[in-house]
Amino acid sequence: MTTSLEHALHGISQLFLLPVLLAIGLLFAYAFVALGACAVQAWQRHRGQAAGFELRHAGRQPPPPSPAALELLALKRLEPVRIATRVAPMLGLVATMIPMGPALQAMAGGQMAEVAQGLTVAFSAVILALIAAAITYSVAQVRRRWYASDLLWLQSGEPQAEPAGTPVKEASA
């Protein structure tokens, strides 16, 4: 009974390897998309373009949104990178553990080529997942600081005066 349960659990876990590897690949690609979008926004903020100051732009729309609505907008904009930051390492661990079972069985059977194959998949997946997590964590932290700064600026009660060094030019149509 225990042996059949163990085989069933092993079989089920092996079904998840391909989807987990695909998810890691998607998260890795998303991390670079998020990094690129953050770099563009940093450039826009540096140049004082309105597009780089999402919350300030949203705060100027009539009727003015409440501070809670602006905070919710900031959380909504941060949510995808924050989820990627947390999910990528978990999937990396899963992608490390799934091939380890067959690799250990291969080692017991003296099949070192299969051991190497399993370990290569395991370590490659965790490396890509950790890189994706590191990139998305950095993007999330930078954007979190930007949004906090924008919220503080909007709540200061001086919506016409820009902070020194960050002039916001309205986007020309």
N, C-alpha and C. Protein backbone atom coordinates (compact mmCIF):
# COMPACT_ATOMS: atom_id res chain seq x y z
N MET A 1 0.83 -1.20 0.00
CA MET A 1 0.00 0.00 0.00
C MET A 1 0.87 1.26 0.00
N THR A 2 1.87 1.30 0.88
CA THR A 2 2.73 2.47 0.97
C THR A 2 3.52 2.65 -0.32
N THR A 3 3.98 1.54 -0.90
CA THR A 3 4.76 1.62 -2.13
C THR A 3 3.93 2.19 -3.27
N SER A 4 2.68 1.78 -3.39
CA SER A 4 1.83 2.30 -4.47
C SER A 4 1.54 3.79 -4.25
N LEU A 5 1.38 4.19 -3.01
CA LEU A 5 1.16 5.60 -2.70
C LEU A 5 2.41 6.42 -3.05
N GLU A 6 3.57 5.89 -2.71
CA GLU A 6 4.82 6.57 -3.03
C GLU A 6 4.99 6.71 -4.54
N HIS A 7 4.67 5.66 -5.30
CA HIS A 7 4.78 5.73 -6.75
C HIS A 7 3.78 6.74 -7.32
N ALA A 8 2.61 6.79 -6.76
CA ALA A 8 1.59 7.75 -7.22
C ALA A 8 2.05 9.18 -6.97
N LEU A 9 2.57 9.43 -5.77
CA LEU A 9 3.06 10.77 -5.45
C LEU A 9 4.23 11.16 -6.34
N HIS A 10 5.12 10.21 -6.58
CA HIS A 10 6.26 10.47 -7.47
C HIS A 10 5.77 10.80 -8.88
N GLY A 11 4.83 10.03 -9.38
CA GLY A 11 4.29 10.26 -10.72
C GLY A 11 3.61 11.61 -10.84
N ILE A 12 2.85 11.97 -9.82
CA ILE A 12 2.17 13.27 -9.83
C ILE A 12 3.18 14.40 -9.80
N SER A 13 4.19 14.28 -8.96
CA SER A 13 5.20 15.35 -8.88
C SER A 13 5.94 15.51 -10.20
N GLN A 14 6.19 14.43 -10.91
CA GLN A 14 6.90 14.51 -12.18
C GLN A 14 6.05 15.23 -13.24
N LEU A 15 4.73 15.18 -13.10
CA LEU A 15 3.85 15.88 -14.04
C LEU A 15 4.02 17.40 -13.95
N PHE A 16 4.49 17.87 -12.81
CA PHE A 16 4.61 19.31 -12.60
C PHE A 16 5.93 19.90 -13.10
N LEU A 17 6.89 19.06 -13.48
CA LEU A 17 8.19 19.59 -13.88
C LEU A 17 8.08 20.53 -15.09
N LEU A 18 7.45 20.11 -16.15
CA LEU A 18 7.36 20.94 -17.34
C LEU A 18 6.59 22.24 -17.07
N PRO A 19 5.41 22.20 -16.43
CA PRO A 19 4.73 23.47 -16.15
C PRO A 19 5.54 24.41 -15.26
N VAL A 20 6.26 23.86 -14.29
CA VAL A 20 7.07 24.70 -13.40
C VAL A 20 8.23 25.31 -14.18
N LEU A 21 8.86 24.54 -15.03
CA LEU A 21 9.96 25.07 -15.85
C LEU A 21 9.46 26.16 -16.80
N LEU A 22 8.28 25.96 -17.38
CA LEU A 22 7.68 26.98 -18.24
C LEU A 22 7.37 28.25 -17.45
N ALA A 23 6.84 28.08 -16.25
CA ALA A 23 6.52 29.23 -15.41
C ALA A 23 7.79 30.00 -15.04
N ILE A 24 8.86 29.30 -14.76
CA ILE A 24 10.13 29.96 -14.45
C ILE A 24 10.63 30.72 -15.68
N GLY A 25 10.50 30.11 -16.85
CA GLY A 25 10.90 30.80 -18.07
C GLY A 25 10.09 32.07 -18.29
N LEU A 26 8.79 32.00 -18.04
CA LEU A 26 7.93 33.19 -18.18
C LEU A 26 8.29 34.25 -17.15
N LEU A 27 8.54 33.85 -15.92
CA LEU A 27 8.93 34.80 -14.89
C LEU A 27 10.28 35.44 -15.20
N PHE A 28 11.18 34.67 -15.76
CA PHE A 28 12.50 35.20 -16.15
C PHE A 28 12.33 36.25 -17.24
N ALA A 29 11.50 35.95 -18.24
CA ALA A 29 11.24 36.93 -19.30
C ALA A 29 10.52 38.15 -18.75
N TYR A 30 9.53 37.93 -17.88
CA TYR A 30 8.79 39.04 -17.28
C TYR A 30 9.72 39.95 -16.47
N ALA A 31 10.68 39.37 -15.81
CA ALA A 31 11.61 40.18 -15.00
C ALA A 31 12.34 41.19 -15.88
N PHE A 32 12.74 40.78 -17.06
CA PHE A 32 13.44 41.70 -17.95
C PHE A 32 12.49 42.72 -18.57
N VAL A 33 11.26 42.32 -18.82
CA VAL A 33 10.25 43.29 -19.29
C VAL A 33 10.01 44.34 -18.21
N ALA A 34 9.85 43.89 -16.97
CA ALA A 34 9.63 44.81 -15.85
C ALA A 34 10.84 45.71 -15.64
N LEU A 35 12.04 45.17 -15.80
CA LEU A 35 13.26 45.97 -15.67
C LEU A 35 13.31 47.04 -16.76
N GLY A 36 12.96 46.67 -17.97
CA GLY A 36 12.93 47.63 -19.07
C GLY A 36 11.91 48.72 -18.85
N ALA A 37 10.72 48.34 -18.39
CA ALA A 37 9.68 49.33 -18.11
C ALA A 37 10.12 50.27 -16.99
N CYS A 38 10.80 49.74 -16.00
CA CYS A 38 11.30 50.56 -14.90
C CYS A 38 12.37 51.52 -15.39
N ALA A 39 13.24 51.05 -16.29
CA ALA A 39 14.28 51.92 -16.84
C ALA A 39 13.66 53.05 -17.66
N VAL A 40 12.63 52.73 -18.43
CA VAL A 40 11.94 53.78 -19.20
C VAL A 40 11.30 54.79 -18.25
N GLN A 41 10.65 54.30 -17.20
CA GLN A 41 10.02 55.20 -16.25
C GLN A 41 11.07 56.04 -15.52
N ALA A 42 12.21 55.46 -15.21
CA ALA A 42 13.29 56.22 -14.57
C ALA A 42 13.76 57.34 -15.49
N TRP A 43 13.89 57.03 -16.76
CA TRP A 43 14.31 58.05 -17.74
C TRP A 43 13.26 59.16 -17.82
N GLN A 44 11.98 58.77 -17.84
CA GLN A 44 10.90 59.75 -17.89
C GLN A 44 10.90 60.61 -16.64
N ARG A 45 11.11 60.02 -15.50
CA ARG A 45 11.16 60.78 -14.25
C ARG A 45 12.36 61.72 -14.25
N HIS A 46 13.49 61.23 -14.73
CA HIS A 46 14.69 62.06 -14.80
C HIS A 46 14.47 63.28 -15.69
N ARG A 47 13.78 63.09 -16.78
CA ARG A 47 13.51 64.18 -17.72
C ARG A 47 12.31 65.02 -17.31
N GLY A 48 11.60 64.62 -16.26
CA GLY A 48 10.47 65.39 -15.78
C GLY A 48 9.21 65.20 -16.60
N GLN A 49 9.11 64.11 -17.33
CA GLN A 49 7.93 63.85 -18.15
C GLN A 49 6.80 63.30 -17.29
N ALA A 50 5.60 63.76 -17.58
CA ALA A 50 4.43 63.37 -16.79
C ALA A 50 4.22 61.85 -16.77
N ALA A 51 4.55 61.18 -17.87
CA ALA A 51 4.33 59.73 -17.94
C ALA A 51 5.14 58.98 -16.89
N GLY A 52 6.21 59.55 -16.41
CA GLY A 52 7.02 58.90 -15.39
C GLY A 52 6.47 59.04 -13.98
N PHE A 53 5.49 59.91 -13.84
CA PHE A 53 4.89 60.20 -12.52
C PHE A 53 3.43 59.77 -12.55
N GLU A 54 3.20 58.47 -12.60
CA GLU A 54 1.85 57.92 -12.75
C GLU A 54 0.88 58.41 -11.68
N LEU A 55 1.30 58.35 -10.43
CA LEU A 55 0.40 58.71 -9.35
C LEU A 55 0.11 60.20 -9.33
N ARG A 56 1.09 61.01 -9.64
CA ARG A 56 0.85 62.45 -9.69
C ARG A 56 -0.15 62.77 -10.79
N HIS A 57 0.01 62.10 -11.92
CA HIS A 57 -0.93 62.31 -13.03
C HIS A 57 -2.33 61.87 -12.63
N ALA A 58 -2.42 60.71 -12.00
CA ALA A 58 -3.73 60.21 -11.56
C ALA A 58 -4.34 61.13 -10.49
N GLY A 59 -3.50 61.70 -9.64
CA GLY A 59 -3.98 62.58 -8.57
C GLY A 59 -4.50 63.92 -9.07
N ARG A 60 -4.14 64.28 -10.28
CA ARG A 60 -4.59 65.55 -10.85
C ARG A 60 -5.87 65.42 -11.66
N GLN A 61 -6.35 64.21 -11.84
CA GLN A 61 -7.55 64.01 -12.65
C GLN A 61 -8.78 64.47 -11.89
N PRO A 62 -9.69 65.16 -12.59
CA PRO A 62 -10.94 65.55 -11.92
C PRO A 62 -11.91 64.38 -11.92
N PRO A 63 -12.66 64.15 -10.89
CA PRO A 63 -12.47 64.70 -9.56
C PRO A 63 -11.26 64.06 -8.91
N PRO A 64 -10.57 64.80 -8.03
CA PRO A 64 -9.36 64.25 -7.42
C PRO A 64 -9.66 62.97 -6.63
N PRO A 65 -8.88 61.93 -6.86
CA PRO A 65 -9.10 60.69 -6.11
C PRO A 65 -8.68 60.86 -4.65
N SER A 66 -9.26 60.05 -3.81
CA SER A 66 -8.91 60.08 -2.39
C SER A 66 -7.50 59.52 -2.20
N PRO A 67 -6.87 59.85 -1.08
CA PRO A 67 -5.55 59.26 -0.80
C PRO A 67 -5.59 57.72 -0.78
N ALA A 68 -6.69 57.17 -0.28
CA ALA A 68 -6.81 55.71 -0.24
C ALA A 68 -6.88 55.14 -1.66
N ALA A 69 -7.57 55.84 -2.55
CA ALA A 69 -7.66 55.38 -3.94
C ALA A 69 -6.29 55.43 -4.61
N LEU A 70 -5.51 56.45 -4.30
CA LEU A 70 -4.16 56.54 -4.87
C LEU A 70 -3.25 55.45 -4.32
N GLU A 71 -3.39 55.15 -3.04
CA GLU A 71 -2.60 54.07 -2.45
C GLU A 71 -2.99 52.73 -3.07
N LEU A 72 -4.28 52.55 -3.33
CA LEU A 72 -4.74 51.33 -3.97
C LEU A 72 -4.17 51.23 -5.39
N LEU A 73 -4.13 52.33 -6.11
CA LEU A 73 -3.54 52.35 -7.44
C LEU A 73 -2.06 51.97 -7.38
N ALA A 74 -1.34 52.50 -6.40
CA ALA A 74 0.08 52.16 -6.24
C ALA A 74 0.24 50.67 -5.96
N LEU A 75 -0.58 50.13 -5.07
CA LEU A 75 -0.51 48.69 -4.77
C LEU A 75 -0.83 47.85 -5.99
N LYS A 76 -1.80 48.30 -6.77
CA LYS A 76 -2.18 47.57 -7.98
C LYS A 76 -1.04 47.56 -8.99
N ARG A 77 -0.33 48.67 -9.11
CA ARG A 77 0.79 48.75 -10.04
C ARG A 77 1.98 47.93 -9.56
N LEU A 78 2.14 47.79 -8.26
CA LEU A 78 3.26 47.02 -7.71
C LEU A 78 2.98 45.51 -7.64
N GLU A 79 1.71 45.14 -7.67
CA GLU A 79 1.33 43.75 -7.43
C GLU A 79 2.02 42.73 -8.35
N PRO A 80 2.07 42.94 -9.67
CA PRO A 80 2.71 41.90 -10.50
C PRO A 80 4.18 41.65 -10.16
N VAL A 81 4.96 42.70 -9.94
CA VAL A 81 6.37 42.47 -9.62
C VAL A 81 6.54 41.89 -8.22
N ARG A 82 5.67 42.27 -7.31
CA ARG A 82 5.75 41.70 -5.96
C ARG A 82 5.40 40.21 -5.97
N ILE A 83 4.40 39.83 -6.76
CA ILE A 83 4.05 38.41 -6.86
C ILE A 83 5.21 37.64 -7.50
N ALA A 84 5.78 38.19 -8.57
CA ALA A 84 6.91 37.52 -9.22
C ALA A 84 8.08 37.36 -8.26
N THR A 85 8.32 38.37 -7.44
CA THR A 85 9.41 38.31 -6.47
C THR A 85 9.24 37.16 -5.50
N ARG A 86 8.02 36.89 -5.11
CA ARG A 86 7.77 35.84 -4.12
C ARG A 86 7.60 34.46 -4.74
N VAL A 87 6.99 34.40 -5.93
CA VAL A 87 6.69 33.11 -6.54
C VAL A 87 7.93 32.49 -7.20
N ALA A 88 8.78 33.30 -7.80
CA ALA A 88 9.93 32.76 -8.53
C ALA A 88 10.82 31.86 -7.66
N PRO A 89 11.22 32.28 -6.46
CA PRO A 89 12.05 31.37 -5.66
C PRO A 89 11.33 30.08 -5.26
N MET A 90 10.02 30.17 -5.02
CA MET A 90 9.27 28.96 -4.67
C MET A 90 9.28 27.98 -5.84
N LEU A 91 9.04 28.51 -7.04
CA LEU A 91 9.06 27.64 -8.21
C LEU A 91 10.46 27.11 -8.47
N GLY A 92 11.47 27.91 -8.17
CA GLY A 92 12.85 27.44 -8.30
C GLY A 92 13.13 26.26 -7.38
N LEU A 93 12.60 26.34 -6.17
CA LEU A 93 12.78 25.22 -5.24
C LEU A 93 12.05 23.98 -5.74
N VAL A 94 10.83 24.17 -6.23
CA VAL A 94 10.07 23.03 -6.77
C VAL A 94 10.82 22.42 -7.95
N ALA A 95 11.34 23.28 -8.85
CA ALA A 95 12.06 22.78 -10.01
C ALA A 95 13.39 22.15 -9.63
N THR A 96 13.90 22.45 -8.47
CA THR A 96 15.11 21.79 -7.98
C THR A 96 14.78 20.42 -7.42
N MET A 97 13.70 20.34 -6.69
CA MET A 97 13.37 19.09 -6.00
C MET A 97 12.82 18.01 -6.92
N ILE A 98 12.03 18.39 -7.91
CA ILE A 98 11.41 17.38 -8.78
C ILE A 98 12.46 16.51 -9.48
N PRO A 99 13.48 17.07 -10.13
CA PRO A 99 14.45 16.19 -10.79
C PRO A 99 15.42 15.49 -9.84
N MET A 100 15.44 15.90 -8.58
CA MET A 100 16.37 15.27 -7.64
C MET A 100 15.99 13.81 -7.36
N GLY A 101 14.70 13.51 -7.32
CA GLY A 101 14.27 12.12 -7.08
C GLY A 101 14.81 11.17 -8.13
N PRO A 102 14.52 11.44 -9.41
CA PRO A 102 15.08 10.57 -10.45
C PRO A 102 16.62 10.57 -10.47
N ALA A 103 17.24 11.72 -10.15
CA ALA A 103 18.71 11.77 -10.13
C ALA A 103 19.26 10.87 -9.04
N LEU A 104 18.63 10.87 -7.88
CA LEU A 104 19.09 9.99 -6.79
C LEU A 104 18.88 8.53 -7.14
N GLN A 105 17.77 8.22 -7.80
CA GLN A 105 17.53 6.83 -8.23
C GLN A 105 18.59 6.42 -9.25
N ALA A 106 18.92 7.34 -10.17
CA ALA A 106 19.94 7.03 -11.17
C ALA A 106 21.30 6.83 -10.51
N MET A 107 21.59 7.61 -9.48
CA MET A 107 22.85 7.46 -8.77
C MET A 107 22.92 6.08 -8.11
N ALA A 108 21.80 5.66 -7.55
CA ALA A 108 21.78 4.34 -6.92
C ALA A 108 22.02 3.24 -7.94
N GLY A 109 21.60 3.49 -9.18
CA GLY A 109 21.79 2.50 -10.24
C GLY A 109 23.09 2.68 -10.99
N GLY A 110 23.91 3.65 -10.59
CA GLY A 110 25.20 3.86 -11.24
C GLY A 110 25.11 4.56 -12.58
N GLN A 111 23.99 5.20 -12.88
CA GLN A 111 23.80 5.88 -14.17
C GLN A 111 24.14 7.36 -14.00
N MET A 112 25.41 7.64 -14.08
CA MET A 112 25.89 8.99 -13.79
C MET A 112 25.45 10.02 -14.83
N ALA A 113 25.21 9.63 -16.06
CA ALA A 113 24.74 10.57 -17.08
C ALA A 113 23.35 11.09 -16.72
N GLU A 114 22.50 10.22 -16.21
CA GLU A 114 21.16 10.65 -15.79
C GLU A 114 21.23 11.53 -14.54
N VAL A 115 22.18 11.23 -13.66
CA VAL A 115 22.38 12.08 -12.48
C VAL A 115 22.76 13.48 -12.93
N ALA A 116 23.71 13.56 -13.85
CA ALA A 116 24.16 14.86 -14.35
C ALA A 116 23.01 15.60 -15.02
N GLN A 117 22.19 14.90 -15.79
CA GLN A 117 21.05 15.52 -16.46
C GLN A 117 20.08 16.10 -15.43
N GLY A 118 19.75 15.33 -14.42
CA GLY A 118 18.82 15.79 -13.39
C GLY A 118 19.35 16.98 -12.61
N LEU A 119 20.62 16.94 -12.27
CA LEU A 119 21.22 18.05 -11.53
C LEU A 119 21.33 19.30 -12.38
N THR A 120 21.59 19.14 -13.67
CA THR A 120 21.67 20.29 -14.57
C THR A 120 20.33 21.00 -14.65
N VAL A 121 19.27 20.24 -14.79
CA VAL A 121 17.92 20.85 -14.82
C VAL A 121 17.63 21.53 -13.49
N ALA A 122 17.93 20.85 -12.41
CA ALA A 122 17.62 21.40 -11.09
C ALA A 122 18.35 22.71 -10.84
N PHE A 123 19.65 22.74 -11.08
CA PHE A 123 20.41 23.94 -10.78
C PHE A 123 20.13 25.06 -11.77
N SER A 124 19.92 24.74 -13.03
CA SER A 124 19.60 25.78 -14.01
C SER A 124 18.29 26.46 -13.67
N ALA A 125 17.29 25.69 -13.30
CA ALA A 125 15.99 26.25 -12.98
C ALA A 125 16.06 27.16 -11.76
N VAL A 126 16.76 26.75 -10.73
CA VAL A 126 16.82 27.57 -9.53
C VAL A 126 17.62 28.84 -9.79
N ILE A 127 18.64 28.77 -10.61
CA ILE A 127 19.42 29.98 -10.92
C ILE A 127 18.56 30.99 -11.67
N LEU A 128 17.83 30.54 -12.68
CA LEU A 128 16.97 31.46 -13.43
C LEU A 128 15.87 32.04 -12.54
N ALA A 129 15.32 31.22 -11.66
CA ALA A 129 14.27 31.70 -10.76
C ALA A 129 14.81 32.75 -9.79
N LEU A 130 15.99 32.53 -9.27
CA LEU A 130 16.58 33.49 -8.34
C LEU A 130 16.97 34.79 -9.03
N ILE A 131 17.44 34.71 -10.26
CA ILE A 131 17.75 35.92 -11.01
C ILE A 131 16.46 36.71 -11.26
N ALA A 132 15.41 36.02 -11.65
CA ALA A 132 14.12 36.68 -11.87
C ALA A 132 13.63 37.34 -10.59
N ALA A 133 13.77 36.65 -9.48
CA ALA A 133 13.33 37.22 -8.20
C ALA A 133 14.16 38.44 -7.82
N ALA A 134 15.45 38.38 -8.05
CA ALA A 134 16.32 39.52 -7.70
C ALA A 134 15.97 40.74 -8.55
N ILE A 135 15.73 40.54 -9.83
CA ILE A 135 15.38 41.66 -10.70
C ILE A 135 14.04 42.25 -10.31
N THR A 136 13.04 41.40 -10.13
CA THR A 136 11.70 41.93 -9.79
C THR A 136 11.69 42.55 -8.39
N TYR A 137 12.49 42.04 -7.48
CA TYR A 137 12.59 42.65 -6.15
C TYR A 137 13.15 44.07 -6.27
N SER A 138 14.18 44.22 -7.08
CA SER A 138 14.78 45.55 -7.27
C SER A 138 13.78 46.51 -7.90
N VAL A 139 13.08 46.06 -8.91
CA VAL A 139 12.07 46.90 -9.57
C VAL A 139 10.98 47.28 -8.57
N ALA A 140 10.52 46.33 -7.78
CA ALA A 140 9.46 46.60 -6.80
C ALA A 140 9.92 47.64 -5.78
N GLN A 141 11.16 47.54 -5.31
CA GLN A 141 11.64 48.48 -4.30
C GLN A 141 11.77 49.88 -4.87
N VAL A 142 12.29 50.00 -6.07
CA VAL A 142 12.44 51.32 -6.69
C VAL A 142 11.08 51.95 -6.92
N ARG A 143 10.15 51.17 -7.47
CA ARG A 143 8.81 51.71 -7.73
C ARG A 143 8.09 52.05 -6.42
N ARG A 144 8.30 51.25 -5.41
CA ARG A 144 7.67 51.53 -4.12
C ARG A 144 8.14 52.88 -3.58
N ARG A 145 9.44 53.17 -3.72
CA ARG A 145 9.96 54.47 -3.29
C ARG A 145 9.39 55.59 -4.14
N TRP A 146 9.30 55.40 -5.45
CA TRP A 146 8.73 56.42 -6.33
C TRP A 146 7.28 56.71 -5.95
N TYR A 147 6.51 55.64 -5.74
CA TYR A 147 5.10 55.84 -5.43
C TYR A 147 4.92 56.50 -4.07
N ALA A 148 5.75 56.15 -3.10
CA ALA A 148 5.68 56.81 -1.80
C ALA A 148 6.01 58.29 -1.93
N SER A 149 7.00 58.60 -2.73
CA SER A 149 7.37 59.99 -2.98
C SER A 149 6.22 60.75 -3.66
N ASP A 150 5.62 60.13 -4.65
CA ASP A 150 4.51 60.77 -5.35
C ASP A 150 3.31 60.98 -4.43
N LEU A 151 3.02 59.98 -3.60
CA LEU A 151 1.89 60.12 -2.66
C LEU A 151 2.17 61.23 -1.66
N LEU A 152 3.39 61.31 -1.17
CA LEU A 152 3.75 62.36 -0.23
C LEU A 152 3.61 63.72 -0.90
N TRP A 153 4.07 63.82 -2.13
CA TRP A 153 3.97 65.07 -2.87
C TRP A 153 2.51 65.47 -3.07
N LEU A 154 1.67 64.50 -3.42
CA LEU A 154 0.24 64.80 -3.64
C LEU A 154 -0.47 65.19 -2.34
N GLN A 155 -0.05 64.59 -1.23
CA GLN A 155 -0.70 64.86 0.05
C GLN A 155 -0.14 66.10 0.73
N SER A 156 0.89 66.70 0.16
CA SER A 156 1.50 67.86 0.80
C SER A 156 0.61 69.10 0.70
N GLY A 157 -0.40 69.03 -0.16
CA GLY A 157 -1.32 70.16 -0.27
C GLY A 157 -0.87 71.24 -1.23
N GLU A 158 0.23 71.00 -1.93
CA GLU A 158 0.72 71.97 -2.90
C GLU A 158 0.79 71.33 -4.28
N PRO A 159 -0.36 71.03 -4.88
CA PRO A 159 -0.34 70.31 -6.15
C PRO A 159 0.26 71.10 -7.31
N GLN A 160 0.43 72.41 -7.17
CA GLN A 160 0.99 73.18 -8.28
C GLN A 160 2.52 73.24 -8.21
N ALA A 161 3.08 73.17 -7.02
CA ALA A 161 4.53 73.28 -6.85
C ALA A 161 5.16 71.90 -6.94
N GLU A 162 6.14 71.80 -7.80
CA GLU A 162 6.87 70.54 -7.96
C GLU A 162 8.07 70.53 -7.00
N PRO A 163 8.43 69.36 -6.48
CA PRO A 163 9.64 69.28 -5.67
C PRO A 163 10.86 69.64 -6.51
N ALA A 164 11.87 70.16 -5.87
CA ALA A 164 13.08 70.57 -6.57
C ALA A 164 13.70 69.38 -7.28
N GLY A 165 14.09 69.62 -8.52
CA GLY A 165 14.77 68.57 -9.28
C GLY A 165 13.86 67.61 -10.00
N THR A 166 12.54 67.72 -9.82
CA THR A 166 11.64 66.79 -10.51
C THR A 166 10.51 67.57 -11.18
N PRO A 167 10.83 68.45 -12.11
CA PRO A 167 9.75 69.13 -12.80
C PRO A 167 8.96 68.16 -13.65
N VAL A 168 7.67 68.31 -13.64
CA VAL A 168 6.81 67.43 -14.43
C VAL A 168 6.27 68.23 -15.58
N LYS A 169 6.62 67.82 -16.78
CA LYS A 169 6.12 68.47 -17.98
C LYS A 169 4.91 67.68 -18.44
N GLU A 170 3.89 68.36 -18.81
CA GLU A 170 2.71 67.67 -19.32
C GLU A 170 3.06 67.05 -20.67
N ALA A 171 2.56 65.86 -20.89
CA ALA A 171 2.83 65.18 -22.14
C ALA A 171 2.16 65.92 -23.28
N SER A 172 2.91 66.17 -24.33
CA SER A 172 2.33 66.87 -25.47
C SER A 172 1.67 65.85 -26.38
N ALA A 173 0.52 66.24 -26.90
CA ALA A 173 -0.26 65.33 -27.72
C ALA A 173 0.14 65.36 -29.16
